[in-house]
Protein backbone atom coordinates (compact mmCIF):
# COMPACT_ATOMS: atom_id res chain seq x y z
CA MET A 1 192.24 106.91 45.61
CA GLN A 2 188.80 106.58 47.12
CA PRO A 3 185.98 108.68 45.64
CA ALA A 4 185.19 112.01 47.23
CA ILE A 5 182.11 112.27 49.42
CA PHE A 6 179.69 115.04 48.46
CA TRP A 7 177.63 116.10 51.44
CA ALA A 8 174.25 117.83 51.44
CA CYS A 9 172.52 119.12 54.56
CA VAL A 10 169.16 117.51 55.35
CA GLY A 11 167.72 118.98 58.53
CA ALA A 12 170.40 118.50 61.16
CA LEU A 13 171.98 115.57 59.34
CA LEU A 14 174.82 115.32 56.86
CA VAL A 15 173.66 113.07 54.04
CA ALA A 16 175.31 111.77 50.89
CA SER A 17 173.49 109.64 48.35
CA ASN A 18 174.82 107.76 45.37
CA GLY A 19 171.92 105.37 44.88
CA GLN A 20 172.36 102.19 42.87
CA GLU A 21 169.55 100.40 41.07
CA ILE A 22 168.58 97.11 42.74
CA ARG A 23 167.94 94.24 40.36
CA PRO A 24 164.81 92.29 41.35
CA ASP A 25 166.47 88.95 40.54
CA GLU A 26 169.22 89.42 43.15
CA PRO A 27 168.74 87.50 46.43
CA VAL A 28 168.13 89.54 49.56
CA SER A 29 171.16 87.97 51.27
CA ALA A 30 173.45 89.53 48.65
CA ARG A 31 172.39 92.95 49.95
CA ILE A 32 172.76 92.14 53.66
CA PRO A 33 175.79 93.84 55.24
CA PHE A 34 178.81 91.91 56.49
CA GLY A 35 182.28 92.70 57.79
CA THR A 36 181.38 95.93 59.56
CA HIS A 37 184.34 97.77 61.07
CA ILE A 38 184.96 101.23 62.48
CA ASN A 39 187.94 103.54 62.96
CA PHE A 40 188.78 107.03 64.09
CA GLY A 41 188.49 109.77 61.47
CA ASP A 42 190.22 113.07 60.83
CA SER A 43 188.72 114.72 63.91
CA PRO A 44 187.95 113.45 67.43
CA THR A 45 184.20 113.88 66.83
CA GLN A 46 184.15 111.58 63.77
CA MET A 47 183.79 107.83 63.41
CA VAL A 48 184.33 106.09 60.06
CA ILE A 49 182.05 103.07 59.53
CA MET A 50 182.60 100.61 56.68
CA TRP A 51 180.97 97.36 55.59
CA GLN A 52 180.42 95.24 52.49
CA THR A 53 177.60 93.66 50.51
CA GLU A 54 177.82 91.13 47.71
CA VAL A 55 176.08 93.53 45.29
CA PRO A 56 175.37 97.28 45.18
CA THR A 57 172.45 98.62 47.21
CA ASN A 58 170.22 101.64 46.73
CA LEU A 59 171.61 103.45 49.78
CA SER A 60 174.54 103.17 52.20
CA VAL A 61 173.02 104.10 55.54
CA VAL A 62 174.05 104.14 59.19
CA GLU A 63 171.22 104.48 61.70
CA TYR A 64 172.52 105.36 65.14
CA GLY A 65 171.63 106.77 68.52
CA LEU A 66 173.04 107.79 71.87
CA VAL A 67 173.00 105.06 74.50
CA SER A 68 174.68 106.95 77.33
CA PRO A 69 176.32 110.40 77.62
CA THR A 70 179.40 108.70 79.07
CA VAL A 71 180.74 105.19 79.51
CA SER A 72 182.90 104.25 82.44
CA ALA A 73 185.99 102.10 82.21
CA GLY A 74 183.89 99.19 83.39
CA SER A 75 182.14 96.48 81.43
CA PRO A 76 180.47 97.37 78.09
CA ARG A 77 178.54 94.12 78.50
CA ARG A 78 176.88 95.56 81.63
CA VAL A 79 176.02 98.82 79.85
CA LEU A 80 174.44 96.95 76.94
CA SER A 81 172.30 94.87 79.25
CA GLU A 82 170.75 98.06 80.62
CA HIS A 83 169.98 99.81 77.32
CA ALA A 84 167.93 98.62 74.35
CA PRO A 85 169.23 99.72 70.91
CA ARG A 86 167.58 102.85 69.49
CA PHE A 87 168.42 104.45 66.14
CA PRO A 88 166.87 107.94 65.97
CA GLU A 89 169.53 109.44 63.67
CA LEU A 90 170.62 108.55 60.15
CA THR A 91 173.63 109.36 57.99
CA SER A 92 174.30 108.13 54.45
CA GLY A 93 177.57 107.73 52.60
CA VAL A 94 179.18 106.27 49.50
CA GLN A 95 179.75 102.85 47.98
CA TYR A 96 182.21 101.55 45.41
CA ASN A 97 183.41 98.29 43.89
CA ASN A 98 186.14 96.13 45.38
CA THR A 99 187.43 94.03 42.48
CA ASN A 100 189.43 90.80 42.70
CA GLN A 101 189.98 89.56 39.14
CA ASN A 102 186.47 88.68 37.90
CA ARG A 103 184.69 88.97 41.28
CA ASN A 104 183.20 92.21 42.61
CA THR A 105 181.81 93.13 46.00
CA THR A 106 180.55 96.50 47.18
CA VAL A 107 182.29 98.48 49.91
CA HIS A 108 180.24 101.03 51.85
CA LYS A 109 181.64 103.97 53.79
CA VAL A 110 179.85 106.41 56.08
CA ILE A 111 181.45 109.09 58.25
CA LEU A 112 179.55 110.05 61.39
CA GLU A 113 180.17 113.68 62.28
CA GLY A 114 179.63 115.78 65.38
CA LEU A 115 179.72 112.93 67.89
CA LYS A 116 179.86 113.74 71.59
CA GLN A 117 183.32 112.75 72.79
CA GLY A 118 183.23 109.88 75.24
CA ALA A 119 179.55 109.15 74.58
CA TYR A 120 178.34 105.60 74.02
CA TYR A 121 176.47 105.00 70.75
CA THR A 122 174.55 102.14 69.19
CA TYR A 123 174.25 101.76 65.42
CA ARG A 124 173.39 99.47 62.55
CA VAL A 125 174.33 99.59 58.87
CA GLY A 126 172.50 98.75 55.68
CA ASP A 127 169.75 99.97 53.37
CA PRO A 128 166.11 100.67 54.30
CA SER A 129 164.95 100.11 50.71
CA PRO A 130 162.55 97.21 49.96
CA GLY A 131 164.47 94.02 49.26
CA ALA A 132 167.54 95.11 51.25
CA GLY A 133 168.21 95.05 54.98
CA PHE A 134 170.28 96.02 58.01
CA SER A 135 172.95 94.46 60.16
CA GLY A 136 172.42 93.69 63.81
CA ALA A 137 173.13 96.31 66.45
CA PHE A 138 176.70 97.35 67.26
CA PHE A 139 178.08 99.80 69.80
CA PHE A 140 181.04 102.16 70.12
CA THR A 141 182.42 104.88 72.34
CA ALA A 142 183.32 108.09 70.54
CA MET A 143 186.91 109.17 71.17
CA ARG A 144 187.19 110.29 74.77
CA THR A 145 188.45 113.75 75.68
CA GLN A 146 191.93 114.24 77.06
CA GLU A 147 190.40 115.16 80.41
CA ALA A 148 188.37 111.95 80.57
CA ILE A 149 191.39 109.81 79.71
CA ALA A 150 193.56 111.73 82.19
CA ASP A 151 191.10 110.76 84.94
CA ASP A 152 191.41 107.10 83.91
CA ALA A 153 194.01 105.79 81.41
CA LEU A 154 194.44 105.36 77.65
CA ARG A 155 193.64 101.71 76.99
CA LEU A 156 194.67 100.02 73.72
CA ILE A 157 194.87 96.47 72.37
CA SER A 158 197.50 95.59 69.78
CA TYR A 159 198.42 92.64 67.59
CA CYS A 160 199.66 91.90 64.10
CA ASP A 161 199.56 89.02 61.61
CA MET A 162 196.03 87.75 62.15
CA GLY A 163 194.38 85.58 59.52
CA ASP A 164 191.11 83.91 58.63
CA ARG A 165 192.52 80.57 59.82
CA HIS A 166 194.39 79.84 63.08
CA GLY A 167 193.14 83.11 64.57
CA LEU A 168 193.33 81.67 68.06
CA THR A 169 193.42 85.02 69.84
CA ILE A 170 190.11 86.23 68.36
CA PRO A 171 187.85 84.62 71.03
CA ASP A 172 190.05 85.99 73.80
CA VAL A 173 190.00 89.51 72.35
CA GLU A 174 186.22 89.30 71.92
CA GLU A 175 185.82 88.31 75.56
CA ASP A 176 188.27 90.99 76.65
CA ILE A 177 186.46 93.88 74.95
CA ALA A 178 183.06 92.59 76.10
CA ASN A 179 184.12 92.79 79.74
CA ASN A 180 186.61 95.67 79.77
CA PHE A 181 186.76 99.13 78.25
CA TYR A 182 189.33 99.99 75.55
CA ASP A 183 189.81 103.11 73.46
CA GLY A 184 190.97 101.35 70.31
CA LEU A 185 192.92 98.52 68.68
CA LEU A 186 196.16 98.69 66.67
CA HIS A 187 196.66 95.98 64.01
CA CYS A 188 200.11 96.44 62.50
CA GLY A 189 199.83 94.64 59.21
CA ASP A 190 199.15 91.24 57.62
CA LEU A 191 195.37 91.02 57.60
CA ALA A 192 193.30 87.93 56.73
CA TYR A 193 196.10 85.97 54.94
CA ASP A 194 195.20 87.46 52.54
CA LEU A 195 192.54 90.07 51.84
CA ALA A 196 192.83 89.26 48.13
CA SER A 197 193.05 85.45 48.40
CA ALA A 198 190.39 83.25 46.76
CA LEU A 199 189.15 86.22 44.73
CA GLY A 200 188.75 88.21 47.94
CA VAL A 201 186.62 85.61 49.73
CA THR A 202 189.33 85.09 52.37
CA GLY A 203 189.26 88.79 53.15
CA ASP A 204 185.45 88.72 53.33
CA ASN A 205 185.51 85.79 55.75
CA TRP A 206 188.14 87.40 57.96
CA LEU A 207 186.14 90.61 58.20
CA ARG A 208 183.20 88.49 59.30
CA ASP A 209 185.45 86.78 61.88
CA ILE A 210 186.61 90.02 63.48
CA GLU A 211 183.28 91.86 63.20
CA PRO A 212 182.47 91.34 66.92
CA ILE A 213 185.73 93.19 67.63
CA ALA A 214 186.10 95.67 64.79
CA ALA A 215 182.45 96.78 64.65
CA ASN A 216 182.53 97.75 68.34
CA LEU A 217 186.07 99.07 68.84
CA PRO A 218 187.97 101.52 66.58
CA TYR A 219 190.19 99.22 64.51
CA MET A 220 193.34 100.98 63.28
CA VAL A 221 195.46 99.15 60.68
CA SER A 222 198.85 99.35 58.97
CA PRO A 223 199.80 97.69 55.67
CA GLY A 224 201.96 94.57 55.70
CA ASN A 225 203.52 92.38 53.03
CA HIS A 226 200.38 90.21 52.82
CA GLU A 227 198.43 93.27 51.65
CA ALA A 228 200.66 93.74 48.58
CA HIS A 229 198.39 92.01 46.02
CA TYR A 230 197.38 94.28 43.14
CA ASN A 231 199.34 97.21 44.57
CA PHE A 232 197.64 96.98 47.98
CA SER A 233 194.25 97.65 46.37
CA ASN A 234 192.24 95.50 48.81
CA PHE A 235 193.81 97.28 51.75
CA ARG A 236 193.22 100.73 50.25
CA GLN A 237 189.60 99.97 49.36
CA ARG A 238 188.45 98.09 52.46
CA PHE A 239 189.94 100.52 55.01
CA SER A 240 189.87 104.30 55.35
CA MET A 241 192.16 105.50 58.11
CA PRO A 242 192.75 109.13 59.16
CA MET A 243 194.28 111.22 56.34
CA ALA A 244 193.00 108.64 53.82
CA ASP A 245 192.15 111.33 51.28
CA LYS A 246 195.86 112.20 51.11
CA TYR A 247 197.68 108.94 51.81
CA GLU A 248 195.14 106.17 51.11
CA SER A 249 195.62 104.69 54.61
CA MET A 250 199.23 103.73 53.85
CA TYR A 251 200.46 106.09 56.57
CA TYR A 252 198.74 108.43 59.00
CA SER A 253 198.72 109.70 62.57
CA PHE A 254 196.20 110.74 65.18
CA ASP A 255 196.10 112.10 68.71
CA ILE A 256 194.27 110.39 71.55
CA GLY A 257 194.58 111.26 75.23
CA PRO A 258 198.25 111.62 76.23
CA ALA A 259 199.54 109.91 73.07
CA HIS A 260 200.38 110.75 69.49
CA ILE A 261 200.03 107.53 67.49
CA VAL A 262 201.71 107.06 64.11
CA SER A 263 201.20 104.29 61.55
CA TYR A 264 203.67 104.06 58.68
CA ASN A 265 204.25 101.79 55.70
CA THR A 266 207.33 99.60 56.13
CA GLU A 267 206.51 97.97 52.78
CA VAL A 268 207.60 101.06 50.88
CA PHE A 269 211.17 99.70 51.02
CA PHE A 270 210.35 96.16 49.83
CA TRP A 271 208.20 96.28 46.70
CA PRO A 272 210.13 98.04 43.91
CA GLN A 273 207.34 97.29 41.44
CA TYR A 274 204.93 99.37 43.56
CA PHE A 275 207.02 102.00 45.36
CA ASP A 276 209.64 104.14 43.67
CA GLU A 277 212.20 106.46 45.24
CA GLY A 278 209.73 109.34 45.18
CA LEU A 279 207.22 107.47 47.35
CA MET A 280 209.94 106.43 49.81
CA LYS A 281 211.07 110.03 50.08
CA ALA A 282 207.53 111.34 50.47
CA GLN A 283 206.77 109.05 53.40
CA PHE A 284 210.15 109.71 55.02
CA GLU A 285 209.67 113.47 54.83
CA TRP A 286 206.10 113.19 56.12
CA LEU A 287 207.26 110.99 59.01
CA ASP A 288 210.06 113.41 59.86
CA GLN A 289 207.69 116.39 59.98
CA ASP A 290 204.97 114.50 61.84
CA LEU A 291 207.33 113.25 64.55
CA LYS A 292 209.03 116.64 64.79
CA ALA A 293 205.68 118.31 65.44
CA ALA A 294 204.72 115.62 67.96
CA ASN A 295 208.01 116.03 69.81
CA ALA A 296 207.37 119.77 70.06
CA ASN A 297 203.94 119.05 71.58
CA ARG A 298 205.05 116.94 74.55
CA ASP A 299 203.32 119.16 77.10
CA GLU A 300 199.96 118.17 75.60
CA ARG A 301 200.78 114.66 74.28
CA PRO A 302 203.84 113.34 76.14
CA TRP A 303 203.88 109.85 74.56
CA ILE A 304 204.76 109.01 70.94
CA ILE A 305 203.77 105.48 69.86
CA VAL A 306 204.57 104.18 66.36
CA MET A 307 203.33 101.06 64.61
CA GLY A 308 204.49 99.45 61.39
CA HIS A 309 204.77 95.93 60.03
CA ARG A 310 208.37 94.79 59.49
CA PRO A 311 210.48 95.10 62.64
CA MET A 312 213.89 96.72 62.87
CA TYR A 313 215.32 94.26 65.40
CA CYS A 314 215.62 90.49 65.49
CA LEU A 315 215.75 87.76 68.09
CA VAL A 316 218.89 86.09 66.71
CA ALA A 317 221.61 88.21 65.12
CA ASP A 318 224.35 86.95 62.83
CA ARG A 319 227.26 85.61 64.90
CA THR A 320 229.84 87.04 62.52
CA THR A 321 228.52 90.55 61.92
CA GLY A 322 226.48 91.04 65.09
CA GLN A 323 223.70 92.42 62.91
CA CYS A 324 220.23 91.25 62.00
CA ASP A 325 219.53 89.97 58.49
CA HIS A 326 219.05 92.31 55.56
CA GLU A 327 215.28 92.44 55.93
CA HIS A 328 215.56 93.91 59.44
CA GLU A 329 218.40 96.16 58.36
CA ALA A 330 216.40 97.43 55.40
CA SER A 331 213.47 98.26 57.67
CA ARG A 332 215.71 99.96 60.21
CA ARG A 333 217.88 101.92 57.79
CA GLY A 334 215.33 102.43 55.02
CA ILE A 335 217.23 100.57 52.31
CA PRO A 336 215.28 100.05 49.05
CA SER A 337 215.07 96.28 48.73
CA GLY A 338 213.26 93.37 47.18
CA CYS A 339 211.99 90.34 49.07
CA GLY A 340 210.46 87.05 48.10
CA ARG A 341 208.17 87.40 45.13
CA ALA A 342 209.45 90.82 44.14
CA ALA A 343 210.79 90.79 40.59
CA GLY A 344 214.33 89.55 40.28
CA PHE A 345 214.57 87.67 43.57
CA GLU A 346 214.13 84.07 44.61
CA ASP A 347 210.70 82.91 45.71
CA ASP A 348 211.53 83.03 49.41
CA GLU A 349 209.47 85.53 51.38
CA HIS A 350 212.24 86.21 53.89
CA LEU A 351 215.18 86.44 51.47
CA CYS A 352 215.73 90.16 50.90
CA SER A 353 218.40 91.99 48.93
CA PRO A 354 219.04 95.62 47.98
CA THR A 355 217.59 96.60 44.64
CA ALA A 356 220.11 97.32 41.92
CA ASP A 357 218.79 100.85 41.36
CA SER A 358 218.88 101.98 44.99
CA LEU A 359 219.51 105.73 44.97
CA GLY A 360 219.77 106.26 48.71
CA THR A 361 218.50 105.23 52.08
CA TYR A 362 215.86 106.61 54.39
CA PRO A 363 216.95 105.81 57.97
CA VAL A 364 213.64 105.56 59.80
CA GLU A 365 215.31 104.54 63.05
CA ASP A 366 217.22 107.82 63.09
CA LEU A 367 213.90 109.67 63.02
CA PHE A 368 212.65 107.61 65.97
CA TYR A 369 215.78 108.47 67.94
CA GLN A 370 215.94 112.12 66.94
CA HIS A 371 212.30 112.81 67.76
CA GLY A 372 212.07 110.61 70.85
CA VAL A 373 209.65 107.82 69.89
CA ASP A 374 208.79 106.08 73.15
CA LEU A 375 207.34 102.79 71.89
CA ALA A 376 207.55 101.13 68.45
CA ILE A 377 205.22 98.18 67.76
CA PHE A 378 205.82 95.76 64.88
CA GLY A 379 204.73 92.34 63.62
CA HIS A 380 205.78 90.17 60.62
CA VAL A 381 207.73 87.65 62.73
CA HIS A 382 205.13 85.28 64.16
CA ASP A 383 206.04 85.44 67.81
CA TYR A 384 206.34 87.88 70.69
CA GLU A 385 209.66 89.65 71.18
CA ARG A 386 210.45 92.35 73.74
CA PHE A 387 213.58 94.42 73.29
CA LEU A 388 215.61 96.65 75.57
CA PRO A 389 215.83 100.34 74.70
CA VAL A 390 218.02 100.27 71.60
CA TYR A 391 219.39 102.47 68.85
CA ASN A 392 221.76 101.59 66.03
CA GLU A 393 222.04 98.02 67.35
CA SER A 394 223.46 99.30 70.63
CA VAL A 395 221.84 99.28 74.06
CA PRO A 396 222.56 102.51 75.96
CA GLU A 397 223.61 102.23 79.58
CA ALA A 398 220.49 102.06 81.73
CA THR A 399 219.57 104.96 83.97
CA ASP A 400 218.53 102.42 86.61
CA ALA A 401 220.43 99.12 86.48
CA SER A 402 217.51 97.31 88.13
CA ASN A 403 214.98 98.55 85.55
CA PRO A 404 216.15 99.16 81.97
CA TYR A 405 212.79 100.74 81.14
CA TYR A 406 213.16 103.57 83.66
CA ALA A 407 214.07 106.82 81.86
CA PRO A 408 215.09 104.87 78.73
CA LYS A 409 217.64 106.54 76.48
CA ALA A 410 216.33 105.04 73.24
CA PRO A 411 213.02 103.76 71.81
CA VAL A 412 211.55 100.51 73.13
CA HIS A 413 210.72 98.07 70.32
CA ILE A 414 208.13 95.28 70.58
CA THR A 415 207.29 92.57 68.04
CA THR A 416 203.74 91.30 68.56
CA GLY A 417 203.31 89.28 65.38
CA SER A 418 201.43 86.28 66.72
CA GLY A 419 197.78 87.22 66.51
CA GLY A 420 197.21 83.93 64.70
CA ASN A 421 197.43 82.89 61.06
CA PRO A 422 197.81 79.73 58.93
CA GLU A 423 201.60 80.05 58.90
CA MET A 424 201.67 79.46 62.67
CA PRO A 425 201.66 75.75 63.60
CA TYR A 426 199.65 74.15 66.36
CA GLY A 427 201.67 72.16 68.88
CA ALA A 428 200.99 68.77 70.40
CA PRO A 429 198.72 68.79 73.47
CA GLY A 430 200.63 69.72 76.60
CA VAL A 431 203.79 70.78 74.74
CA GLU A 432 204.75 74.39 75.46
CA PRO A 433 205.94 76.76 72.73
CA PRO A 434 209.57 77.87 72.99
CA HIS A 435 209.94 80.90 75.26
CA GLY A 436 212.34 82.62 77.61
CA GLY A 437 215.59 84.54 77.36
CA CYS A 438 217.15 85.61 74.08
CA SER A 439 220.34 84.76 72.22
CA THR A 440 223.56 86.27 73.54
CA TRP A 441 224.22 87.32 69.96
CA SER A 442 221.33 89.80 70.24
CA PRO A 443 222.14 92.00 73.26
CA TRP A 444 219.09 94.17 72.54
CA CYS A 445 216.62 91.29 73.07
CA ALA A 446 215.15 90.70 76.54
CA TYR A 447 212.37 88.10 76.20
CA TYR A 448 210.50 86.07 73.58
CA SER A 449 207.71 83.52 73.27
CA GLY A 450 206.90 81.34 70.29
CA TYR A 451 209.93 81.82 68.06
CA PHE A 452 210.89 78.93 65.76
CA PRO A 453 208.87 76.04 67.22
CA HIS A 454 210.21 72.61 66.29
CA GLY A 455 209.34 69.00 66.94
CA ASP A 456 206.03 68.83 68.81
CA GLN A 457 206.16 72.49 69.74
CA GLY A 458 203.70 74.98 68.29
CA ALA A 459 203.63 78.73 67.98
CA ASP A 460 202.47 80.96 70.81
CA PHE A 461 199.32 82.93 69.91
CA THR A 462 199.37 86.27 71.73
CA TYR A 463 198.13 89.85 71.81
CA SER A 464 199.12 93.01 73.67
CA HIS A 465 197.71 95.54 76.09
CA VAL A 466 199.10 99.08 75.93
CA ILE A 467 197.86 101.09 78.92
CA VAL A 468 199.08 104.70 79.22
CA HIS A 469 198.35 105.59 82.83
CA ASN A 470 199.65 109.17 82.82
CA SER A 471 202.38 111.37 81.39
CA THR A 472 205.18 109.23 82.84
CA HIS A 473 203.94 105.61 83.10
CA LEU A 474 203.09 103.20 80.26
CA GLN A 475 202.21 99.57 81.02
CA PHE A 476 202.77 96.96 78.29
CA SER A 477 201.62 93.37 78.83
CA GLN A 478 201.26 90.28 76.66
CA TRP A 479 198.47 87.68 76.87
CA SER A 480 199.06 84.13 75.60
CA SER A 481 196.09 82.18 74.30
CA ILE A 482 198.23 79.04 74.60
CA PHE A 483 199.54 79.46 78.16
CA ARG A 484 196.19 81.04 79.18
CA LYS A 485 197.91 83.77 81.18
CA TRP A 486 199.81 87.04 80.95
CA ILE A 487 203.30 85.95 79.98
CA ASP A 488 205.11 89.29 80.10
CA GLU A 489 204.77 92.81 81.43
CA ILE A 490 206.93 95.93 81.56
CA TRP A 491 206.40 99.48 82.75
CA ILE A 492 208.07 102.19 80.70
CA VAL A 493 208.65 105.09 83.07
CA GLN A 494 209.77 108.25 81.31
CA PRO A 495 210.11 111.32 83.57
CA LYS A 496 211.32 113.48 80.67
CA HIS A 497 210.08 112.84 77.14
CA GLY A 498 211.93 114.22 74.15
CA SER A 499 214.73 113.62 71.69
CA PHE A 500 217.11 110.90 72.76
CA ALA A 501 219.89 112.58 70.80
CA ALA A 502 219.75 115.45 73.29
CA ASN A 503 220.02 113.11 76.27
CA GLU A 504 223.26 111.29 75.49
CA GLU A 505 226.12 111.15 73.02
CA GLU A 506 225.16 109.73 69.66
CA VAL A 507 225.76 106.01 69.19
CA VAL A 508 228.59 105.43 66.72
CA PRO A 509 227.10 104.89 63.24
CA LEU A 510 227.55 101.50 61.65
CA HIS A 511 230.04 102.56 59.00
CA LEU A 512 232.27 104.23 61.61
CA ARG A 513 232.00 101.34 64.07
CA ALA A 514 233.54 99.04 61.47
CA GLU A 515 236.57 101.36 61.21
CA GLN A 516 237.31 101.41 64.95
């Protein structure tokens, strides 16, 4: 649990101070900020800003100012060229240790309050005390109002599984956000590879790598299996998502424009040494209530988008059973399991088995179906996979035979797990990654790129655009940093959002299907 922030009013500013003594023998560079990143807070007028220093500083300060009352959906690069950074306001926050064995760094957290929605701000982070210093200037747009987004579109970037090495999509994303406007970025697990590796230095370096992205665009994250070190402590300490005071960023939700966005912890089913039955039940009940409330609020927020790490559906199903492997099944049906390095199982990250003391299951997919989740985004598998609308490993008959994504009768699942990491191989020059149609043994799969490269083939390094144009039309497209083009695009057109269970007969459950 992160420490509480105690605010005191100073003039028109909210200020918190927990000053640390600066030792005169410490180099100035140890107190210079790095790894700045921002994310949405608990209200639409907040922005959470975090960064690190090698040692504690006297103050944790954000200096900021208004650049423009509004920012169009044009080029941020153009706006920046017309406005010099000014920092007339100041807010202070808290700092605390991030410990990796015998190495400590200092994490700083400041919450900006009372921002003007849709306004364009510039800021810098650091400490004005002698012997310390500030970062360079960054910029962000406060969360836009529903009205502003309705006049334009909700624009999001998404990827998963991005590391400090082989992060081939990073330059493309940097260029993208410099030239085009986006509301935020969704990173569904597996950060840095790993945040805790090399006594946390890998995590530090990765945060430096993504700073041009994450310091300028709200960066929303989910936990993945690579965050599991020391009970996910690096993830909990380095990030502070909405509802962090309650759930330590492991799961949360927020509203933006026409969408309700949910992040949940798929890892709760896979690490028995960290998550007991009570924690599985708590998340399941929270997710049920959150999605139920969102489904009842469709007039205001018609779209429900969910992100998590381990996907429910696979590219290649078992030829005998017609099902995906146990890892996918455990994620889909909420089966308490152990994988890889979990106690009692072989040292194979993708070999998963039910735990001996499983008391029950928590069928997350049923919640998606019951409450009408429109789009579910996952990672973990290091490729891009697009699925047809699917529930319970069955593809409902399409409303429009020429377009399976028109008025879909089940959630649409996407795996976008190829942001780039050291587990993804480079291919030989001129050799394309594998891509195209899916296995006939997986009737729910429509398209893939980068799965299981062999020979001279390499992985495909990709990221996603999620553009919600209005209450009925969502555009999903995938950019390949290998092919240097958009390799896939679909439009989900949903004239009537709501529970899928109310729109068709229930798909036969697995245990009954076997008896037919």
